Protein backbone atom coordinates (compact mmCIF):
# COMPACT_ATOMS: atom_id res chain seq x y z
CA MET A 1 68.96 -2.20 -12.16
CA ILE A 2 66.02 -4.49 -10.21
CA PRO A 3 67.78 -8.32 -10.67
CA ALA A 4 65.76 -11.00 -12.42
CA PRO A 5 65.33 -13.91 -9.86
CA ASP A 6 67.69 -16.34 -11.64
CA ALA A 7 70.24 -13.78 -12.51
CA PRO A 8 73.99 -14.56 -11.98
CA LEU A 9 75.66 -12.51 -9.48
CA SER A 10 77.15 -9.34 -10.61
CA PRO A 11 81.10 -8.70 -10.92
CA SER A 12 82.31 -9.23 -7.72
CA GLY A 13 84.01 -5.77 -6.22
CA HIS A 14 86.27 -8.57 -3.96
CA THR A 15 89.73 -9.66 -4.69
CA ASP A 16 88.88 -12.31 -1.65
CA PRO A 17 86.51 -14.81 -2.86
CA PHE A 18 85.36 -16.45 0.10
CA ALA A 19 82.24 -14.54 0.66
CA ARG A 20 81.09 -15.35 -2.87
CA GLU A 21 81.95 -19.00 -2.47
CA HIS A 22 80.27 -19.89 0.71
CA LEU A 23 76.93 -18.90 -0.28
CA PRO A 24 74.37 -21.50 -0.32
CA PRO A 25 74.01 -23.16 -3.99
CA ARG A 26 71.55 -20.71 -5.73
CA ASP A 27 68.74 -23.49 -5.59
CA GLN A 28 68.68 -22.84 -2.38
CA TRP A 29 68.10 -19.35 -1.89
CA PRO A 30 64.28 -18.36 -1.08
CA GLU A 31 62.76 -16.80 -3.87
CA PHE A 32 63.61 -12.78 -4.28
CA LEU A 33 60.81 -9.93 -4.78
CA PHE A 34 62.08 -6.68 -5.70
CA GLU A 35 58.29 -4.81 -6.42
CA LEU A 36 58.87 -1.66 -5.25
CA PRO A 37 60.39 1.12 -7.34
CA GLN A 38 62.60 2.00 -4.14
CA LEU A 39 64.34 -1.16 -4.50
CA ASP A 40 65.78 -0.38 -8.39
CA TYR A 41 69.02 -0.18 -6.75
CA ALA A 42 71.55 0.37 -9.28
CA GLU A 43 74.44 -2.47 -10.57
CA ARG A 44 77.26 -1.43 -8.18
CA PHE A 45 77.17 0.72 -5.36
CA ASN A 46 79.26 0.73 -1.54
CA CYS A 47 76.20 0.69 1.17
CA ALA A 48 78.24 3.14 3.37
CA ASP A 49 78.26 5.79 0.68
CA ALA A 50 74.55 5.91 1.36
CA PHE A 51 74.97 6.64 5.28
CA ILE A 52 77.01 9.87 5.07
CA ASP A 53 79.02 10.58 1.77
CA ALA A 54 75.22 11.34 0.75
CA HIS A 55 74.31 13.84 3.45
CA VAL A 56 77.86 15.51 3.43
CA ALA A 57 77.78 15.88 -0.40
CA ALA A 58 73.63 17.64 0.21
CA GLY A 59 75.35 20.40 2.51
CA GLN A 60 73.99 18.20 5.74
CA GLY A 61 77.59 17.85 7.30
CA ASP A 62 76.83 19.65 10.14
CA ALA A 63 74.13 18.18 11.18
CA VAL A 64 74.40 15.68 14.51
CA ALA A 65 75.04 12.39 13.01
CA LEU A 66 75.84 9.73 16.39
CA ILE A 67 75.54 10.93 19.83
CA GLY A 68 77.73 8.87 22.67
CA SER A 69 78.43 9.15 26.16
CA SER A 70 81.67 10.94 25.59
CA GLU A 71 81.50 11.90 22.44
CA THR A 72 78.66 13.23 19.73
CA LEU A 73 79.83 12.80 15.93
CA SER A 74 78.45 15.26 12.89
CA TYR A 75 78.16 13.39 9.73
CA ALA A 76 81.35 14.97 8.10
CA ALA A 77 83.14 13.71 11.26
CA LEU A 78 81.58 10.75 10.97
CA LYS A 79 82.79 10.25 7.20
CA SER A 80 86.11 11.49 8.21
CA ARG A 81 86.34 8.80 10.77
CA ALA A 82 85.53 6.06 8.72
CA GLU A 83 87.42 6.92 5.65
CA ARG A 84 90.43 6.71 7.80
CA ILE A 85 89.52 3.19 9.52
CA ALA A 86 89.31 2.25 5.70
CA ARG A 87 92.76 3.62 4.53
CA LEU A 88 94.40 2.01 7.95
CA LEU A 89 92.91 -1.60 6.68
CA ARG A 90 93.74 -1.43 2.94
CA GLU A 91 96.88 0.78 3.37
CA GLU A 92 98.62 -0.15 6.47
CA LEU A 93 97.18 -3.55 7.62
CA ARG A 94 96.91 -4.49 3.95
CA LEU A 95 94.00 -6.23 4.06
CA PRO A 96 91.98 -7.59 0.59
CA THR A 97 88.35 -6.95 -0.09
CA GLY A 98 86.15 -9.07 0.73
CA ALA A 99 88.20 -9.83 4.48
CA ARG A 100 86.12 -10.63 7.35
CA VAL A 101 86.97 -7.44 10.13
CA LEU A 102 85.21 -8.82 13.41
CA LEU A 103 83.55 -5.95 15.72
CA ARG A 104 83.20 -6.02 18.93
CA GLY A 105 81.90 -3.59 21.84
CA ALA A 106 79.33 -1.90 23.16
CA ASN A 107 76.95 0.61 21.46
CA SER A 108 78.68 3.35 20.96
CA PRO A 109 79.65 6.09 18.28
CA ALA A 110 82.88 4.34 17.98
CA LEU A 111 81.56 0.88 17.35
CA ALA A 112 79.02 2.63 14.23
CA ALA A 113 82.05 4.57 12.81
CA ALA A 114 83.95 1.36 12.77
CA TRP A 115 81.15 -0.57 10.76
CA LEU A 116 81.00 2.09 8.52
CA GLY A 117 84.86 2.13 7.82
CA VAL A 118 84.98 -1.63 7.44
CA VAL A 119 82.09 -1.62 4.41
CA LYS A 120 83.40 1.59 3.06
CA ALA A 121 87.30 -0.13 2.64
CA GLY A 122 84.90 -3.01 0.54
CA MET A 123 85.38 -5.90 3.49
CA ILE A 124 82.46 -7.77 5.51
CA ALA A 125 81.74 -6.58 8.80
CA VAL A 126 81.02 -9.36 11.37
CA THR A 127 79.91 -7.23 14.56
CA THR A 128 79.55 -9.49 17.30
CA MET A 129 77.75 -8.95 20.99
CA PRO A 130 80.19 -7.42 23.11
CA LEU A 131 78.89 -10.46 26.21
CA LEU A 132 80.34 -12.95 24.23
CA ARG A 133 84.14 -14.87 25.34
CA ALA A 134 86.26 -16.70 24.05
CA ARG A 135 85.49 -19.47 22.89
CA GLU A 136 82.57 -17.98 21.08
CA LEU A 137 84.28 -15.67 19.38
CA SER A 138 87.23 -18.34 18.16
CA ALA A 139 84.14 -20.23 16.82
CA ILE A 140 82.99 -17.04 14.97
CA VAL A 141 86.00 -16.29 13.45
CA VAL A 142 87.35 -19.66 12.40
CA LYS A 143 83.64 -20.40 10.99
CA ALA A 144 84.10 -16.88 8.98
CA ARG A 145 87.78 -16.92 8.35
CA VAL A 146 88.12 -13.60 9.85
CA ALA A 147 91.46 -11.63 9.21
CA ALA A 148 91.16 -8.80 11.94
CA ALA A 149 89.46 -7.48 14.65
CA LEU A 150 88.30 -4.06 15.79
CA CYS A 151 87.52 -4.32 19.57
CA ASP A 152 86.74 -1.75 22.28
CA HIS A 153 89.54 -1.76 24.61
CA ALA A 154 87.23 -2.20 27.59
CA LEU A 155 86.74 -6.03 25.80
CA ALA A 156 90.50 -6.53 25.01
CA GLU A 157 91.02 -9.60 27.59
CA GLU A 158 88.75 -11.87 25.78
CA MET A 159 89.73 -10.69 22.43
CA GLN A 160 93.36 -11.46 23.61
CA LYS A 161 92.78 -14.82 24.27
CA THR A 162 90.62 -15.59 21.31
CA GLN A 163 93.58 -14.69 19.43
CA GLN A 164 94.98 -17.83 20.86
CA THR A 165 92.02 -19.98 20.32
CA SER A 166 91.49 -19.20 16.52
CA GLU A 167 93.38 -21.22 14.43
CA GLY A 168 96.06 -18.74 13.99
CA LEU A 169 93.35 -16.57 11.76
CA LEU A 170 93.11 -13.63 13.81
CA GLN A 171 96.34 -11.82 13.40
CA GLN A 172 95.72 -8.29 13.96
CA VAL A 173 93.79 -6.80 16.36
CA LEU A 174 93.05 -2.78 17.17
CA PHE A 175 91.24 -1.39 19.93
CA PHE A 176 89.11 1.69 19.67
CA ASN A 177 88.66 3.88 22.89
CA ALA A 178 91.65 2.89 23.69
CA PRO A 179 93.93 5.32 26.51
CA ASP A 180 95.84 8.23 24.30
CA GLY A 181 98.81 6.64 22.85
CA GLU A 182 98.10 3.33 22.98
CA PRO A 183 100.14 1.69 20.35
CA ASP A 184 97.33 -0.84 18.95
CA GLY A 185 94.85 1.95 19.55
CA LEU A 186 92.40 2.78 16.71
CA GLU A 187 91.91 5.98 17.14
CA THR A 188 95.88 6.35 17.47
CA ARG A 189 96.67 4.47 14.46
CA ILE A 190 94.35 6.55 12.24
CA ALA A 191 95.13 9.93 14.07
CA GLY A 192 97.69 10.92 11.22
CA LEU A 193 96.20 9.45 7.99
CA PRO A 194 94.44 11.56 5.62
CA ASP A 195 90.80 11.70 5.12
CA GLY A 196 89.16 11.69 1.51
CA PHE A 197 89.24 7.84 0.66
CA ALA A 198 87.01 6.68 -1.80
CA SER A 199 84.52 3.64 -0.82
CA ALA A 200 85.70 -0.04 -2.16
CA ASP A 201 83.95 -0.50 -5.78
CA THR A 202 81.27 -2.88 -4.58
CA ALA A 203 78.52 -5.06 -6.02
CA ALA A 204 75.03 -4.80 -4.96
CA ASP A 205 75.12 -8.38 -4.83
CA ASP A 206 78.64 -8.46 -2.96
CA VAL A 207 78.30 -9.63 0.89
CA ALA A 208 78.46 -6.59 2.93
CA LEU A 209 78.16 -8.43 6.65
CA ILE A 210 77.44 -11.44 8.16
CA ALA A 211 75.61 -11.41 11.10
CA PHE A 212 75.14 -14.61 13.18
CA THR A 213 72.12 -15.68 15.05
CA SER A 214 71.67 -14.68 18.65
CA GLY A 215 71.40 -18.31 19.69
CA THR A 216 68.02 -18.73 21.30
CA THR A 217 69.42 -22.78 20.04
CA GLY A 218 72.39 -22.22 21.51
CA VAL A 219 73.78 -22.94 18.17
CA PRO A 220 74.41 -19.83 15.83
CA LYS A 221 74.40 -19.81 12.16
CA GLY A 222 76.38 -16.48 10.17
CA THR A 223 73.75 -15.04 7.71
CA MET A 224 74.77 -13.06 4.80
CA HIS A 225 73.81 -9.84 3.80
CA PHE A 226 74.57 -7.89 0.70
CA HIS A 227 74.71 -4.03 0.01
CA ARG A 228 71.63 -3.83 -1.37
CA ASP A 229 69.98 -5.77 1.39
CA VAL A 230 71.40 -2.93 3.75
CA LEU A 231 69.20 -0.66 2.43
CA ALA A 232 66.47 -2.62 1.56
CA ILE A 233 65.73 -2.61 4.87
CA CYS A 234 65.62 1.25 5.40
CA ASP A 235 63.75 1.56 1.87
CA VAL A 236 60.90 -1.00 2.89
CA LEU A 237 60.83 -1.06 6.62
CA SER A 238 61.61 1.95 8.08
CA ARG A 239 60.39 4.02 5.08
CA GLN A 240 56.82 2.81 5.32
CA VAL A 241 55.83 1.54 9.12
CA ILE A 242 58.48 4.12 11.01
CA ALA A 243 58.59 7.51 8.47
CA PRO A 244 61.78 9.08 9.97
CA ARG A 245 62.72 12.64 9.10
CA ALA A 246 65.93 14.31 9.78
CA ASP A 247 65.01 16.07 12.41
CA ASP A 248 64.56 12.79 14.60
CA VAL A 249 66.68 11.85 17.65
CA PHE A 250 66.38 7.74 17.75
CA ILE A 251 67.60 5.95 21.02
CA GLY A 252 67.13 2.55 22.48
CA THR A 253 68.37 -0.96 24.36
CA PRO A 254 69.46 -3.57 21.08
CA PRO A 255 72.88 -3.58 20.50
CA LEU A 256 74.22 -2.91 16.67
CA ALA A 257 75.35 -6.67 16.88
CA PHE A 258 71.70 -7.44 17.07
CA THR A 259 69.85 -6.62 13.50
CA PHE A 260 66.97 -4.98 15.11
CA GLY A 261 69.90 -2.36 16.81
CA LEU A 262 71.52 -2.07 13.46
CA GLY A 263 68.47 -0.67 11.73
CA GLY A 264 66.69 1.14 14.35
CA LEU A 265 69.65 2.66 16.03
CA PHE A 266 72.15 2.95 13.29
CA LEU A 267 71.18 2.33 9.56
CA PHE A 268 67.48 4.18 9.88
CA PRO A 269 68.28 7.22 11.18
CA LEU A 270 71.38 7.44 9.01
CA ARG A 271 69.29 6.72 5.68
CA VAL A 272 67.51 9.68 6.43
CA GLY A 273 70.29 11.93 7.66
CA ALA A 274 68.58 12.15 11.52
CA ALA A 275 70.71 11.38 15.03
CA ALA A 276 70.69 8.32 16.94
CA VAL A 277 72.11 7.82 20.56
CA LEU A 278 74.32 4.91 21.33
CA VAL A 279 75.33 4.30 24.48
CA GLU A 280 77.24 1.39 26.21
CA SER A 281 74.12 0.19 28.39
CA TRP A 282 70.50 1.35 29.68
CA THR A 283 68.82 0.86 32.86
CA PRO A 284 64.83 1.37 32.92
CA GLU A 285 65.55 4.41 34.66
CA SER A 286 68.68 5.81 32.75
CA LEU A 287 66.36 5.19 29.18
CA LEU A 288 63.88 7.33 30.13
CA ALA A 289 66.00 10.23 31.43
CA GLY A 290 68.09 9.64 28.49
CA ILE A 291 65.36 10.54 26.21
CA ALA A 292 64.06 13.62 27.90
CA ARG A 293 67.82 14.89 28.41
CA HIS A 294 68.46 14.44 24.15
CA ARG A 295 64.70 15.12 23.37
CA ALA A 296 64.50 11.80 21.40
CA THR A 297 61.64 11.03 19.07
CA ILE A 298 62.07 7.57 18.22
CA LEU A 299 62.50 4.66 20.68
CA PHE A 300 63.41 0.83 20.07
CA THR A 301 63.62 -2.06 22.95
CA ALA A 302 62.15 -4.96 23.71
CA PRO A 303 58.99 -5.91 25.38
CA THR A 304 60.61 -6.57 28.77
CA PHE A 305 62.29 -2.91 29.01
CA TYR A 306 58.71 -1.20 28.46
CA ARG A 307 57.26 -2.96 30.48
CA ARG A 308 60.25 -2.69 33.07
CA MET A 309 59.81 1.65 32.13
CA ALA A 310 56.13 1.70 32.09
CA PRO A 311 55.86 2.20 36.31
CA LEU A 312 58.38 5.00 35.97
CA ALA A 313 57.11 6.95 32.91
CA THR A 314 55.15 9.32 34.57
CA GLU A 315 58.56 10.58 36.28
CA TYR A 316 59.99 11.61 32.91
CA ASP A 317 59.17 14.36 30.53
CA LEU A 318 58.32 12.15 27.45
CA GLY A 319 56.76 14.68 25.65
CA SER A 320 59.94 14.79 22.39
CA LEU A 321 58.43 10.54 21.68
CA ARG A 322 56.10 10.14 18.70
CA ILE A 323 57.41 6.35 17.87
CA THR A 324 57.91 3.59 20.22
CA VAL A 325 58.93 0.52 18.31
CA SER A 326 58.98 -2.89 19.86
CA SER A 327 60.58 -6.15 18.70
CA GLY A 328 62.79 -9.10 19.84
CA GLU A 329 60.31 -11.19 21.23
CA MET A 330 56.14 -11.47 21.03
CA LEU A 331 54.79 -8.07 22.67
CA PRO A 332 52.01 -9.03 25.38
CA ALA A 333 48.59 -7.41 25.00
CA ASP A 334 49.25 -6.51 28.64
CA THR A 335 52.46 -4.50 28.24
CA ARG A 336 51.10 -3.20 24.92
CA ARG A 337 48.49 -1.91 27.47
CA ILE A 338 50.13 -0.14 30.08
CA TRP A 339 53.20 1.48 28.55
CA ARG A 340 50.42 3.04 26.39
CA GLU A 341 48.89 4.10 29.86
CA ALA A 342 51.89 5.77 30.90
CA SER A 343 53.48 7.39 28.01
CA GLY A 344 49.81 7.92 26.00
CA ILE A 345 51.58 5.91 23.24
CA GLU A 346 50.37 3.27 21.17
CA MET A 347 53.56 0.76 20.71
CA THR A 348 54.69 0.05 17.00
CA GLU A 349 55.46 -3.40 17.14
CA CYS A 350 58.10 -5.65 14.26
CA LEU A 351 58.32 -9.28 13.87
CA GLY A 352 61.53 -9.99 12.20
CA SER A 353 64.32 -12.52 12.03
CA THR A 354 68.22 -12.31 11.11
CA GLU A 355 68.10 -14.10 8.36
CA LEU A 356 65.90 -11.64 6.73
CA LEU A 357 68.30 -8.89 8.10
CA HIS A 358 64.94 -6.68 9.71
CA ALA A 359 61.40 -7.07 10.22
CA PHE A 360 58.25 -8.19 7.53
CA ILE A 361 55.65 -8.01 9.69
CA ALA A 362 54.37 -4.88 11.33
CA CYS A 363 51.71 -2.63 13.01
CA THR A 364 51.83 1.36 13.03
CA PRO A 365 49.66 2.90 15.83
CA ALA A 366 46.60 3.50 13.54
CA ASP A 367 46.27 -0.08 12.56
CA VAL A 368 46.96 -2.49 15.81
CA ARG A 369 44.84 -5.28 16.23
CA PRO A 370 45.35 -6.25 20.30
CA GLY A 371 47.03 -9.39 20.65
CA ALA A 372 47.86 -9.28 17.04
CA THR A 373 51.39 -8.87 15.48
CA GLY A 374 50.18 -7.25 12.41
CA ARG A 375 50.41 -7.35 8.85
CA VAL A 376 53.03 -7.90 6.27
CA VAL A 377 54.84 -5.04 5.36
CA PRO A 378 54.49 -4.05 2.12
CA GLY A 379 57.65 -5.33 -0.78
CA TYR A 380 56.76 -8.67 1.42
CA ARG A 381 54.40 -11.39 1.20
CA ALA A 382 53.48 -13.64 3.99
CA CYS A 383 51.65 -16.82 4.40
CA VAL A 384 50.91 -19.63 6.82
CA LEU A 385 52.16 -23.30 5.89
CA ASP A 386 50.88 -26.73 6.94
CA HIS A 387 53.33 -29.13 7.76
CA GLU A 388 52.79 -30.80 4.11
CA GLY A 389 53.61 -27.00 2.56
CA ARG A 390 50.37 -26.11 1.70
CA GLU A 391 48.91 -22.59 1.99
CA ALA A 392 46.83 -22.77 5.63
CA PRO A 393 43.21 -21.77 6.08
CA VAL A 394 42.53 -18.58 7.07
CA GLY A 395 42.53 -19.26 11.19
CA GLU A 396 44.54 -22.71 11.21
CA ILE A 397 47.84 -22.55 12.85
CA GLY A 398 50.99 -23.45 10.87
CA ARG A 399 54.59 -22.21 9.94
CA LEU A 400 55.15 -18.84 9.27
CA ALA A 401 56.38 -18.22 5.36
CA ILE A 402 58.27 -14.89 3.85
CA LYS A 403 59.71 -13.92 0.68
CA GLY A 404 60.68 -10.19 0.07
CA PRO A 405 63.94 -8.22 -0.89
CA THR A 406 65.68 -9.94 1.73
CA GLY A 407 66.53 -13.97 2.65
CA CYS A 408 68.09 -16.60 4.06
CA ARG A 409 71.59 -17.46 3.15
CA TYR A 410 73.63 -18.99 5.86
CA LEU A 411 77.13 -19.21 5.83
CA ASP A 412 78.38 -22.63 4.57
CA ASP A 413 75.74 -24.60 6.49
CA ALA A 414 73.47 -27.29 6.13
CA ARG A 415 70.41 -25.88 7.98
CA GLN A 416 69.82 -23.77 4.88
CA ARG A 417 67.24 -26.43 3.59
CA ASP A 418 65.51 -26.04 6.89
CA TYR A 419 64.95 -22.44 6.54
CA VAL A 420 64.58 -21.93 2.98
CA GLN A 421 62.10 -24.61 1.46
CA ASP A 422 60.14 -23.89 -2.20
CA GLY A 423 61.09 -20.33 -2.23
CA TRP A 424 59.75 -19.01 1.10
CA ASN A 425 61.79 -18.35 4.19
CA LEU A 426 60.30 -20.19 7.15
CA THR A 427 60.72 -18.15 10.21
CA GLY A 428 60.64 -21.30 12.74
CA ASP A 429 57.56 -19.12 14.52
CA ALA A 430 54.01 -20.77 14.51
CA TYR A 431 51.57 -18.29 13.05
CA ARG A 432 47.55 -18.22 12.37
CA ARG A 433 46.37 -15.58 9.94
CA ASP A 434 43.03 -13.87 10.06
CA ALA A 435 40.34 -12.98 7.50
CA ASP A 436 41.46 -9.47 7.36
CA GLY A 437 45.64 -10.21 7.22
CA TYR A 438 46.56 -9.79 10.43
CA PHE A 439 49.18 -12.69 11.76
CA TRP A 440 48.47 -13.77 15.26
CA TYR A 441 51.87 -15.00 17.01
CA GLN A 442 51.32 -18.73 18.38
CA SER A 443 54.87 -19.97 19.61
CA ARG A 444 58.17 -21.04 18.10
CA THR A 445 57.50 -23.99 16.34
CA ASP A 446 59.90 -25.73 18.69
CA ASP A 447 57.96 -24.40 21.63
CA MET A 448 54.62 -25.70 20.63
CA ILE A 449 53.18 -27.31 23.59
CA ILE A 450 51.40 -30.91 22.69
CA SER A 451 49.82 -31.92 25.97
CA ALA A 452 47.21 -35.05 25.61
CA GLY A 453 46.86 -34.17 22.24
CA TYR A 454 46.19 -30.23 22.28
CA ASN A 455 48.21 -27.84 20.58
CA ILE A 456 49.08 -25.05 22.97
CA ALA A 457 51.05 -21.83 22.54
CA GLY A 458 53.41 -20.99 25.57
CA PRO A 459 53.09 -17.42 24.76
CA GLU A 460 49.46 -17.15 24.76
CA VAL A 461 49.77 -18.50 28.50
CA GLU A 462 52.35 -15.52 29.62
CA ASP A 463 50.14 -13.10 28.20
CA VAL A 464 47.75 -14.07 30.96
CA LEU A 465 49.81 -15.12 33.83
CA LEU A 466 51.13 -11.02 33.46
CA THR A 467 48.26 -9.62 33.84
CA HIS A 468 48.34 -10.68 37.40
CA ALA A 469 49.49 -7.99 39.86
CA ALA A 470 52.15 -10.42 41.40
CA VAL A 471 53.84 -11.23 38.48
CA ALA A 472 57.01 -9.23 37.37
CA GLU A 473 58.03 -11.61 34.32
CA CYS A 474 57.30 -15.43 33.59
CA GLY A 475 58.14 -18.17 30.71
CA VAL A 476 56.14 -20.90 29.86
CA VAL A 477 57.48 -24.25 28.19
CA GLY A 478 56.13 -27.68 28.04
CA VAL A 479 58.16 -30.80 29.80
CA PRO A 480 57.69 -34.03 29.27
CA ASP A 481 54.85 -36.09 31.34
CA GLU A 482 54.36 -39.77 31.20
CA ALA A 483 50.49 -39.62 31.24
CA ARG A 484 50.13 -36.22 29.00
CA GLY A 485 53.25 -36.44 27.01
CA GLN A 486 53.86 -32.73 28.28
CA ILE A 487 52.63 -30.82 30.43
CA VAL A 488 52.44 -27.08 31.05
CA LYS A 489 55.41 -25.50 32.99
CA ALA A 490 55.10 -21.81 34.07
CA PHE A 491 58.20 -20.26 35.43
CA VAL A 492 57.56 -16.78 37.28
CA VAL A 493 59.36 -13.99 38.35
CA VAL A 494 57.66 -12.36 41.41
CA ARG A 495 57.27 -8.79 41.85
CA ALA A 496 58.22 -7.26 45.28
CA GLY A 497 56.07 -7.27 48.28
CA HIS A 498 54.21 -10.75 46.79
CA VAL A 499 54.91 -13.94 48.63
CA ALA A 500 55.99 -16.99 46.29
CA ASP A 501 53.85 -20.15 47.62
CA ALA A 502 51.50 -22.52 46.95
CA ALA A 503 48.53 -20.14 47.21
CA LEU A 504 49.66 -17.31 44.50
CA ALA A 505 50.28 -20.69 42.31
CA ALA A 506 46.82 -21.59 42.69
CA GLU A 507 45.65 -18.32 41.72
CA LEU A 508 47.69 -18.33 38.98
CA GLN A 509 46.76 -21.62 38.04
CA GLN A 510 42.92 -20.35 38.50
CA LEU A 511 43.79 -17.39 36.47
CA VAL A 512 44.37 -19.16 33.20
CA LYS A 513 41.67 -21.43 33.85
CA ASP A 514 39.36 -18.42 33.77
CA THR A 515 40.78 -16.86 30.97
CA LEU A 516 41.70 -19.36 28.63
CA ALA A 517 40.82 -23.15 27.60
CA PRO A 518 41.39 -24.86 30.94
CA TYR A 519 43.61 -27.45 29.10
CA LYS A 520 45.99 -24.76 28.89
CA TYR A 521 46.67 -23.75 32.59
CA PRO A 522 50.25 -24.60 34.36
CA ARG A 523 49.95 -27.47 36.15
CA ALA A 524 53.47 -26.78 37.36
CA VAL A 525 54.70 -23.10 38.65
CA GLU A 526 57.92 -22.55 39.32
CA PHE A 527 59.20 -19.34 41.00
CA VAL A 528 62.71 -18.48 40.07
CA GLU A 529 64.36 -15.30 40.71
CA ALA A 530 65.20 -14.69 36.85
CA LEU A 531 64.88 -15.99 33.59
CA PRO A 532 67.44 -17.08 31.01
CA ARG A 533 67.52 -14.58 28.39
CA THR A 534 69.79 -13.75 25.25
CA GLU A 535 71.86 -10.34 24.80
CA ASN A 536 68.80 -8.78 23.09
CA GLY A 537 66.64 -9.95 25.63
CA LYS A 538 64.76 -13.24 24.27
CA ILE A 539 63.92 -15.77 26.57
CA GLN A 540 66.02 -18.83 26.62
CA ARG A 541 62.99 -21.53 26.43
CA PHE A 542 65.37 -24.26 26.10
CA LYS A 543 67.26 -23.61 29.01
CA LEU A 544 63.87 -23.64 30.80
CA ARG A 545 62.85 -27.01 29.33
CA ALA A 546 66.23 -28.37 30.25
CA SER A 547 66.91 -26.94 33.56
CA ALA A 548 66.84 -28.85 37.18
CA PRO A 549 64.40 -27.28 38.88
CA ALA A 550 66.01 -23.60 40.68
CA GLY A 551 63.25 -22.45 42.72
CA ARG A 552 60.28 -23.57 44.49
CA ALA A 553 58.31 -25.51 42.19
CA TYR A 554 54.11 -26.15 42.91
């Protein structure tokens, strides 16, 4: 049943009311749109059933679901493991439905099975990046009032520290991928339990997961998503832009704690009965080899990884690939070009956010306009707003605003009022829209450089610098300047074989002057060994703006 915009929430299936009680006030929610027929979901369902039970019931239990570095799980085996994990949580750990369970680990079938077990049990998955430390994890535990954790045994040390610094909340921690016989090992604890656990009775609008933002601003927020949201991103974005099939094999780098990875490497393949390769870590070389070994057909990774793989691509058999998806940060036109030339595949680009769970603007290979992110995904609406909240004219830069079947609901956070205004989700991106409905990225709204009265988009400058043969990576930000307010500064990682000196800095400055309006050129260039990035590959520009000189500057 498609809910009316202001319809009351269905009776919750959660006995622990924390999630419902900590949703933002209803008048601060975005406007939700359920205009597509595939969004007409039942009032009550558990989304885990759509990813495992439905395929087993259809006779596809023997089909491969997940491929890891040390195990491969069929849909029947994945269903059995998820059911036993759910039974352990409910019947032995005695956690109530609605309890928050923290999940921590690198990508693996064990982590995916734990996610499904938590959701099947009627609990709320709080998946965290594997590189987070105890201080960061404790903040999440306290914010979400986490009751228990399922953690990869390889990350046990920080998890145990977290237990000591989380206000006594985290009472129960079990470890998956643990050695045989480990008393706190998840596999040991579920070994003798029967499967056949029926999924908890949950409402379509019960919270299924809380995803914490990746923290490019340094202050993460918890975003709350319903069971219907989890299916919606599969049935809107994946179905219409990627169009996966049951015989597809997905592979890629984004962690499942990042919603780009949760969708692209887990939910999207399992929704259609396809297979996913979930491996702890990849290098460009090992990922290319993995594509060849597993005959992968759909690849998800960030622009930086495509750029690093492109020079190596001809050394591997990539003939199985049919779709390559880029997201996580802006896709430079030059990266699109070199990947196409190396692989023969035109990139599919997606723009999304943790707040909306996945992507809402995208392009398919048949609909590419070089330099543009793409057009709005059917089922969503997008516009560019000026600072007064009015729709900006075609071609003018403003704030990207989105409405659709998913949207922002922060966990008990005053910043809800900043992200949602007049029913729109304001993504924090500065965009312009052309007359054909293509959206062109300019910068993050808080990354716009204002120099001597000119608005300058750092990523536009980065795009030009990346065309220079000496530039491996770069980040462009505004830094304070007495005369101009700000000047454009480029932080540049130089390729091996090139000299980082004043002559190269001058070359790069001239390249920008010759390609863009001259006022956009970087008046300062600093050569650095590496750029600060989040775990999912986004440049942390706030760190560049705040950093003291760490390399050679010109």
